[in-house]
Amino acid sequence: MSTEEKETKIRLAFDRARKDIAVVQAKIECKREEMAVLEAEQNAGSSTTTPAIPPSDGVVLHNGKP
């Protein structure tokens, strides 16, 4: 295999890696934006209403059935 072919393979590998990194960074940014929206919704909703599912207080209820 010639040096030129090796360099071409290396360039392609680096190009693929750059693309993969860009995709992961975009996904991270998207998740950060989603989290910010959810936090804003929770903050806006929690001040006016109670949550649909109350926080756990550690009590386990039994109904007599296994």
PDB file of N, CA and C in Angstrom:
ATOM      1  N   MET A   1       0.849  -1.168   0.000  1.00  0.00           N
ATOM      2  CA  MET A   1       0.000   0.000   0.000  1.00  0.00           C
ATOM      3  C   MET A   1       0.902   1.241   0.000  1.00  0.00           C
ATOM      4  N   SER A   2       0.600   2.141  -0.883  1.00  0.00           N
ATOM      5  CA  SER A   2       1.452   3.325  -1.005  1.00  0.00           C
ATOM      6  C   SER A   2       1.140   4.332   0.105  1.00  0.00           C
ATOM      7  N   THR A   3       2.044   5.257   0.264  1.00  0.00           N
ATOM      8  CA  THR A   3       1.887   6.291   1.284  1.00  0.00           C
ATOM      9  C   THR A   3       0.652   7.126   0.996  1.00  0.00           C
ATOM     10  N   GLU A   4       0.400   7.393  -0.262  1.00  0.00           N
ATOM     11  CA  GLU A   4      -0.763   8.195  -0.638  1.00  0.00           C
ATOM     12  C   GLU A   4      -2.074   7.498  -0.242  1.00  0.00           C
ATOM     13  N   GLU A   5      -2.126   6.199  -0.450  1.00  0.00           N
ATOM     14  CA  GLU A   5      -3.321   5.449  -0.065  1.00  0.00           C
ATOM     15  C   GLU A   5      -3.513   5.451   1.449  1.00  0.00           C
ATOM     16  N   LYS A   6      -2.413   5.317   2.171  1.00  0.00           N
ATOM     17  CA  LYS A   6      -2.483   5.351   3.631  1.00  0.00           C
ATOM     18  C   LYS A   6      -2.980   6.711   4.128  1.00  0.00           C
ATOM     19  N   GLU A   7      -2.452   7.780   3.530  1.00  0.00           N
ATOM     20  CA  GLU A   7      -2.878   9.123   3.919  1.00  0.00           C
ATOM     21  C   GLU A   7      -4.358   9.338   3.619  1.00  0.00           C
ATOM     22  N   THR A   8      -4.811   8.806   2.508  1.00  0.00           N
ATOM     23  CA  THR A   8      -6.225   8.923   2.141  1.00  0.00           C
ATOM     24  C   THR A   8      -7.102   8.220   3.165  1.00  0.00           C
ATOM     25  N   LYS A   9      -6.700   7.019   3.573  1.00  0.00           N
ATOM     26  CA  LYS A   9      -7.467   6.286   4.587  1.00  0.00           C
ATOM     27  C   LYS A   9      -7.493   7.040   5.907  1.00  0.00           C
ATOM     28  N   ILE A  10      -6.364   7.607   6.282  1.00  0.00           N
ATOM     29  CA  ILE A  10      -6.285   8.370   7.530  1.00  0.00           C
ATOM     30  C   ILE A  10      -7.182   9.595   7.453  1.00  0.00           C
ATOM     31  N   ARG A  11      -7.159  10.300   6.329  1.00  0.00           N
ATOM     32  CA  ARG A  11      -8.019  11.480   6.159  1.00  0.00           C
ATOM     33  C   ARG A  11      -9.493  11.099   6.261  1.00  0.00           C
ATOM     34  N   LEU A  12      -9.862  10.002   5.627  1.00  0.00           N
ATOM     35  CA  LEU A  12     -11.257   9.547   5.689  1.00  0.00           C
ATOM     36  C   LEU A  12     -11.657   9.197   7.121  1.00  0.00           C
ATOM     37  N   ALA A  13     -10.761   8.550   7.837  1.00  0.00           N
ATOM     38  CA  ALA A  13     -11.051   8.200   9.225  1.00  0.00           C
ATOM     39  C   ALA A  13     -11.239   9.453  10.074  1.00  0.00           C
ATOM     40  N   PHE A  14     -10.387  10.453   9.876  1.00  0.00           N
ATOM     41  CA  PHE A  14     -10.516  11.695  10.627  1.00  0.00           C
ATOM     42  C   PHE A  14     -11.791  12.437  10.245  1.00  0.00           C
ATOM     43  N   ASP A  15     -12.133  12.424   8.966  1.00  0.00           N
ATOM     44  CA  ASP A  15     -13.374  13.071   8.527  1.00  0.00           C
ATOM     45  C   ASP A  15     -14.587  12.410   9.171  1.00  0.00           C
ATOM     46  N   ARG A  16     -14.593  11.080   9.216  1.00  0.00           N
ATOM     47  CA  ARG A  16     -15.695  10.363   9.862  1.00  0.00           C
ATOM     48  C   ARG A  16     -15.754  10.688  11.350  1.00  0.00           C
ATOM     49  N   ALA A  17     -14.594  10.753  11.977  1.00  0.00           N
ATOM     50  CA  ALA A  17     -14.551  11.071  13.407  1.00  0.00           C
ATOM     51  C   ALA A  17     -15.079  12.481  13.664  1.00  0.00           C
ATOM     52  N   ARG A  18     -14.700  13.440  12.822  1.00  0.00           N
ATOM     53  CA  ARG A  18     -15.198  14.811  12.979  1.00  0.00           C
ATOM     54  C   ARG A  18     -16.719  14.850  12.841  1.00  0.00           C
ATOM     55  N   LYS A  19     -17.230  14.102  11.877  1.00  0.00           N
ATOM     56  CA  LYS A  19     -18.672  14.052  11.678  1.00  0.00           C
ATOM     57  C   LYS A  19     -19.356  13.444  12.900  1.00  0.00           C
ATOM     58  N   ASP A  20     -18.817  12.353  13.415  1.00  0.00           N
ATOM     59  CA  ASP A  20     -19.388  11.709  14.603  1.00  0.00           C
ATOM     60  C   ASP A  20     -19.385  12.660  15.794  1.00  0.00           C
ATOM     61  N   ILE A  21     -18.299  13.373  15.976  1.00  0.00           N
ATOM     62  CA  ILE A  21     -18.196  14.329  17.080  1.00  0.00           C
ATOM     63  C   ILE A  21     -19.231  15.431  16.919  1.00  0.00           C
ATOM     64  N   ALA A  22     -19.410  15.930  15.710  1.00  0.00           N
ATOM     65  CA  ALA A  22     -20.392  16.980  15.467  1.00  0.00           C
ATOM     66  C   ALA A  22     -21.806  16.490  15.769  1.00  0.00           C
ATOM     67  N   VAL A  23     -22.106  15.255  15.408  1.00  0.00           N
ATOM     68  CA  VAL A  23     -23.431  14.691  15.684  1.00  0.00           C
ATOM     69  C   VAL A  23     -23.657  14.585  17.185  1.00  0.00           C
ATOM     70  N   VAL A  24     -22.671  14.088  17.905  1.00  0.00           N
ATOM     71  CA  VAL A  24     -22.799  13.943  19.359  1.00  0.00           C
ATOM     72  C   VAL A  24     -22.956  15.312  20.013  1.00  0.00           C
ATOM     73  N   GLN A  25     -22.189  16.291  19.581  1.00  0.00           N
ATOM     74  CA  GLN A  25     -22.300  17.631  20.157  1.00  0.00           C
ATOM     75  C   GLN A  25     -23.680  18.225  19.883  1.00  0.00           C
ATOM     76  N   ALA A  26     -24.219  17.989  18.698  1.00  0.00           N
ATOM     77  CA  ALA A  26     -25.562  18.484  18.377  1.00  0.00           C
ATOM     78  C   ALA A  26     -26.605  17.810  19.265  1.00  0.00           C
ATOM     79  N   LYS A  27     -26.455  16.519  19.510  1.00  0.00           N
ATOM     80  CA  LYS A  27     -27.389  15.804  20.379  1.00  0.00           C
ATOM     81  C   LYS A  27     -27.322  16.335  21.797  1.00  0.00           C
ATOM     82  N   ILE A  28     -26.116  16.615  22.276  1.00  0.00           N
ATOM     83  CA  ILE A  28     -25.946  17.162  23.621  1.00  0.00           C
ATOM     84  C   ILE A  28     -26.631  18.520  23.726  1.00  0.00           C
ATOM     85  N   GLU A  29     -26.427  19.367  22.740  1.00  0.00           N
ATOM     86  CA  GLU A  29     -27.043  20.685  22.750  1.00  0.00           C
ATOM     87  C   GLU A  29     -28.568  20.573  22.714  1.00  0.00           C
ATOM     88  N   CYS A  30     -29.087  19.652  21.936  1.00  0.00           N
ATOM     89  CA  CYS A  30     -30.526  19.433  21.852  1.00  0.00           C
ATOM     90  C   CYS A  30     -31.080  18.997  23.208  1.00  0.00           C
ATOM     91  N   LYS A  31     -30.391  18.083  23.869  1.00  0.00           N
ATOM     92  CA  LYS A  31     -30.836  17.616  25.177  1.00  0.00           C
ATOM     93  C   LYS A  31     -30.786  18.748  26.203  1.00  0.00           C
ATOM     94  N   ARG A  32     -29.787  19.605  26.129  1.00  0.00           N
ATOM     95  CA  ARG A  32     -29.709  20.741  27.059  1.00  0.00           C
ATOM     96  C   ARG A  32     -30.907  21.662  26.861  1.00  0.00           C
ATOM     97  N   GLU A  33     -31.266  21.905  25.586  1.00  0.00           N
ATOM     98  CA  GLU A  33     -32.414  22.751  25.305  1.00  0.00           C
ATOM     99  C   GLU A  33     -33.704  22.089  25.813  1.00  0.00           C
ATOM    100  N   GLU A  34     -33.836  20.785  25.616  1.00  0.00           N
ATOM    101  CA  GLU A  34     -35.018  20.070  26.097  1.00  0.00           C
ATOM    102  C   GLU A  34     -35.114  20.153  27.619  1.00  0.00           C
ATOM    103  N   MET A  35     -33.975  20.005  28.301  1.00  0.00           N
ATOM    104  CA  MET A  35     -33.968  20.081  29.754  1.00  0.00           C
ATOM    105  C   MET A  35     -34.372  21.475  30.230  1.00  0.00           C
ATOM    106  N   ALA A  36     -33.900  22.507  29.542  1.00  0.00           N
ATOM    107  CA  ALA A  36     -34.251  23.872  29.923  1.00  0.00           C
ATOM    108  C   ALA A  36     -35.753  24.102  29.760  1.00  0.00           C
ATOM    109  N   VAL A  37     -36.328  23.581  28.683  1.00  0.00           N
ATOM    110  CA  VAL A  37     -37.766  23.723  28.462  1.00  0.00           C
ATOM    111  C   VAL A  37     -38.537  22.983  29.555  1.00  0.00           C
ATOM    112  N   LEU A  38     -38.125  21.757  29.865  1.00  0.00           N
ATOM    113  CA  LEU A  38     -38.811  20.985  30.902  1.00  0.00           C
ATOM    114  C   LEU A  38     -38.717  21.670  32.263  1.00  0.00           C
ATOM    115  N   GLU A  39     -37.546  22.207  32.583  1.00  0.00           N
ATOM    116  CA  GLU A  39     -37.385  22.903  33.856  1.00  0.00           C
ATOM    117  C   GLU A  39     -38.280  24.141  33.915  1.00  0.00           C
ATOM    118  N   ALA A  40     -38.366  24.862  32.799  1.00  0.00           N
ATOM    119  CA  ALA A  40     -39.223  26.048  32.763  1.00  0.00           C
ATOM    120  C   ALA A  40     -40.681  25.649  32.933  1.00  0.00           C
ATOM    121  N   GLU A  41     -41.092  24.563  32.287  1.00  0.00           N
ATOM    122  CA  GLU A  41     -42.471  24.085  32.429  1.00  0.00           C
ATOM    123  C   GLU A  41     -42.743  23.649  33.864  1.00  0.00           C
ATOM    124  N   GLN A  42     -41.789  22.956  34.466  1.00  0.00           N
ATOM    125  CA  GLN A  42     -41.971  22.508  35.841  1.00  0.00           C
ATOM    126  C   GLN A  42     -42.055  23.690  36.795  1.00  0.00           C
ATOM    127  N   ASN A  43     -41.203  24.668  36.591  1.00  0.00           N
ATOM    128  CA  ASN A  43     -41.218  25.850  37.459  1.00  0.00           C
ATOM    129  C   ASN A  43     -42.520  26.624  37.291  1.00  0.00           C
ATOM    130  N   ALA A  44     -42.994  26.744  36.071  1.00  0.00           N
ATOM    131  CA  ALA A  44     -44.239  27.463  35.823  1.00  0.00           C
ATOM    132  C   ALA A  44     -45.424  26.680  36.362  1.00  0.00           C
ATOM    133  N   GLY A  45     -45.414  25.375  36.202  1.00  0.00           N
ATOM    134  CA  GLY A  45     -46.526  24.545  36.650  1.00  0.00           C
ATOM    135  C   GLY A  45     -46.549  24.325  38.141  1.00  0.00           C
ATOM    136  N   SER A  46     -45.399  24.252  38.772  1.00  0.00           N
ATOM    137  CA  SER A  46     -45.354  23.937  40.199  1.00  0.00           C
ATOM    138  C   SER A  46     -45.820  25.100  41.067  1.00  0.00           C
ATOM    139  N   SER A  47     -45.760  26.301  40.561  1.00  0.00           N
ATOM    140  CA  SER A  47     -46.176  27.440  41.370  1.00  0.00           C
ATOM    141  C   SER A  47     -47.695  27.581  41.412  1.00  0.00           C
ATOM    142  N   THR A  48     -48.406  27.006  40.435  1.00  0.00           N
ATOM    143  CA  THR A  48     -49.855  27.175  40.387  1.00  0.00           C
ATOM    144  C   THR A  48     -50.615  25.910  40.765  1.00  0.00           C
ATOM    145  N   THR A  49     -50.061  24.736  40.487  1.00  0.00           N
ATOM    146  CA  THR A  49     -50.776  23.494  40.762  1.00  0.00           C
ATOM    147  C   THR A  49     -49.848  22.510  41.460  1.00  0.00           C
ATOM    148  N   THR A  50     -50.460  21.467  42.012  1.00  0.00           N
ATOM    149  CA  THR A  50     -49.652  20.418  42.616  1.00  0.00           C
ATOM    150  C   THR A  50     -49.298  19.400  41.546  1.00  0.00           C
ATOM    151  N   PRO A  51     -48.191  18.707  41.688  1.00  0.00           N
ATOM    152  CA  PRO A  51     -47.806  17.726  40.675  1.00  0.00           C
ATOM    153  C   PRO A  51     -48.802  16.571  40.628  1.00  0.00           C
ATOM    154  N   ALA A  52     -48.943  15.947  39.467  1.00  0.00           N
ATOM    155  CA  ALA A  52     -49.867  14.837  39.287  1.00  0.00           C
ATOM    156  C   ALA A  52     -49.453  13.643  40.129  1.00  0.00           C
ATOM    157  N   ILE A  53     -48.167  13.426  40.286  1.00  0.00           N
ATOM    158  CA  ILE A  53     -47.648  12.319  41.092  1.00  0.00           C
ATOM    159  C   ILE A  53     -46.902  12.929  42.269  1.00  0.00           C
ATOM    160  N   PRO A  54     -47.415  12.737  43.478  1.00  0.00           N
ATOM    161  CA  PRO A  54     -46.730  13.329  44.626  1.00  0.00           C
ATOM    162  C   PRO A  54     -45.388  12.648  44.876  1.00  0.00           C
ATOM    163  N   PRO A  55     -44.464  13.341  45.495  1.00  0.00           N
ATOM    164  CA  PRO A  55     -43.173  12.733  45.782  1.00  0.00           C
ATOM    165  C   PRO A  55     -43.311  11.584  46.772  1.00  0.00           C
ATOM    166  N   SER A  56     -42.431  10.631  46.679  1.00  0.00           N
ATOM    167  CA  SER A  56     -42.474   9.463  47.545  1.00  0.00           C
ATOM    168  C   SER A  56     -42.107   9.850  48.974  1.00  0.00           C
ATOM    169  N   ASP A  57     -42.886   9.333  49.929  1.00  0.00           N
ATOM    170  CA  ASP A  57     -42.564   9.589  51.331  1.00  0.00           C
ATOM    171  C   ASP A  57     -42.082   8.324  52.027  1.00  0.00           C
ATOM    172  N   GLY A  58     -41.899   7.238  51.275  1.00  0.00           N
ATOM    173  CA  GLY A  58     -41.357   6.016  51.823  1.00  0.00           C
ATOM    174  C   GLY A  58     -42.400   5.054  52.362  1.00  0.00           C
ATOM    175  N   VAL A  59     -43.682   5.428  52.354  1.00  0.00           N
ATOM    176  CA  VAL A  59     -44.742   4.582  52.872  1.00  0.00           C
ATOM    177  C   VAL A  59     -45.196   3.625  51.769  1.00  0.00           C
ATOM    178  N   VAL A  60     -45.318   2.337  52.115  1.00  0.00           N
ATOM    179  CA  VAL A  60     -45.782   1.345  51.179  1.00  0.00           C
ATOM    180  C   VAL A  60     -47.189   0.930  51.571  1.00  0.00           C
ATOM    181  N   LEU A  61     -48.129   1.057  50.656  1.00  0.00           N
ATOM    182  CA  LEU A  61     -49.510   0.672  50.921  1.00  0.00           C
ATOM    183  C   LEU A  61     -49.751  -0.740  50.433  1.00  0.00           C
ATOM    184  N   HIS A  62     -50.471  -1.520  51.237  1.00  0.00           N
ATOM    185  CA  HIS A  62     -50.804  -2.889  50.855  1.00  0.00           C
ATOM    186  C   HIS A  62     -52.314  -2.998  50.727  1.00  0.00           C
ATOM    187  N   ASN A  63     -52.788  -3.744  49.745  1.00  0.00           N
ATOM    188  CA  ASN A  63     -54.224  -3.919  49.564  1.00  0.00           C
ATOM    189  C   ASN A  63     -54.693  -5.303  49.949  1.00  0.00           C
ATOM    190  N   GLY A  64     -53.858  -6.119  50.549  1.00  0.00           N
ATOM    191  CA  GLY A  64     -54.217  -7.442  50.985  1.00  0.00           C
ATOM    192  C   GLY A  64     -54.107  -8.514  49.919  1.00  0.00           C
ATOM    193  N   LYS A  65     -53.763  -8.125  48.705  1.00  0.00           N
ATOM    194  CA  LYS A  65     -53.605  -9.093  47.616  1.00  0.00           C
ATOM    195  C   LYS A  65     -52.122  -9.264  47.309  1.00  0.00           C
ATOM    196  N   PRO A  66     -51.737 -10.501  46.969  1.00  0.00           N
ATOM    197  CA  PRO A  66     -50.319 -10.711  46.674  1.00  0.00           C
ATOM    198  C   PRO A  66     -49.894 -10.090  45.368  1.00  0.00           C
TER     199      PRO A  66
END
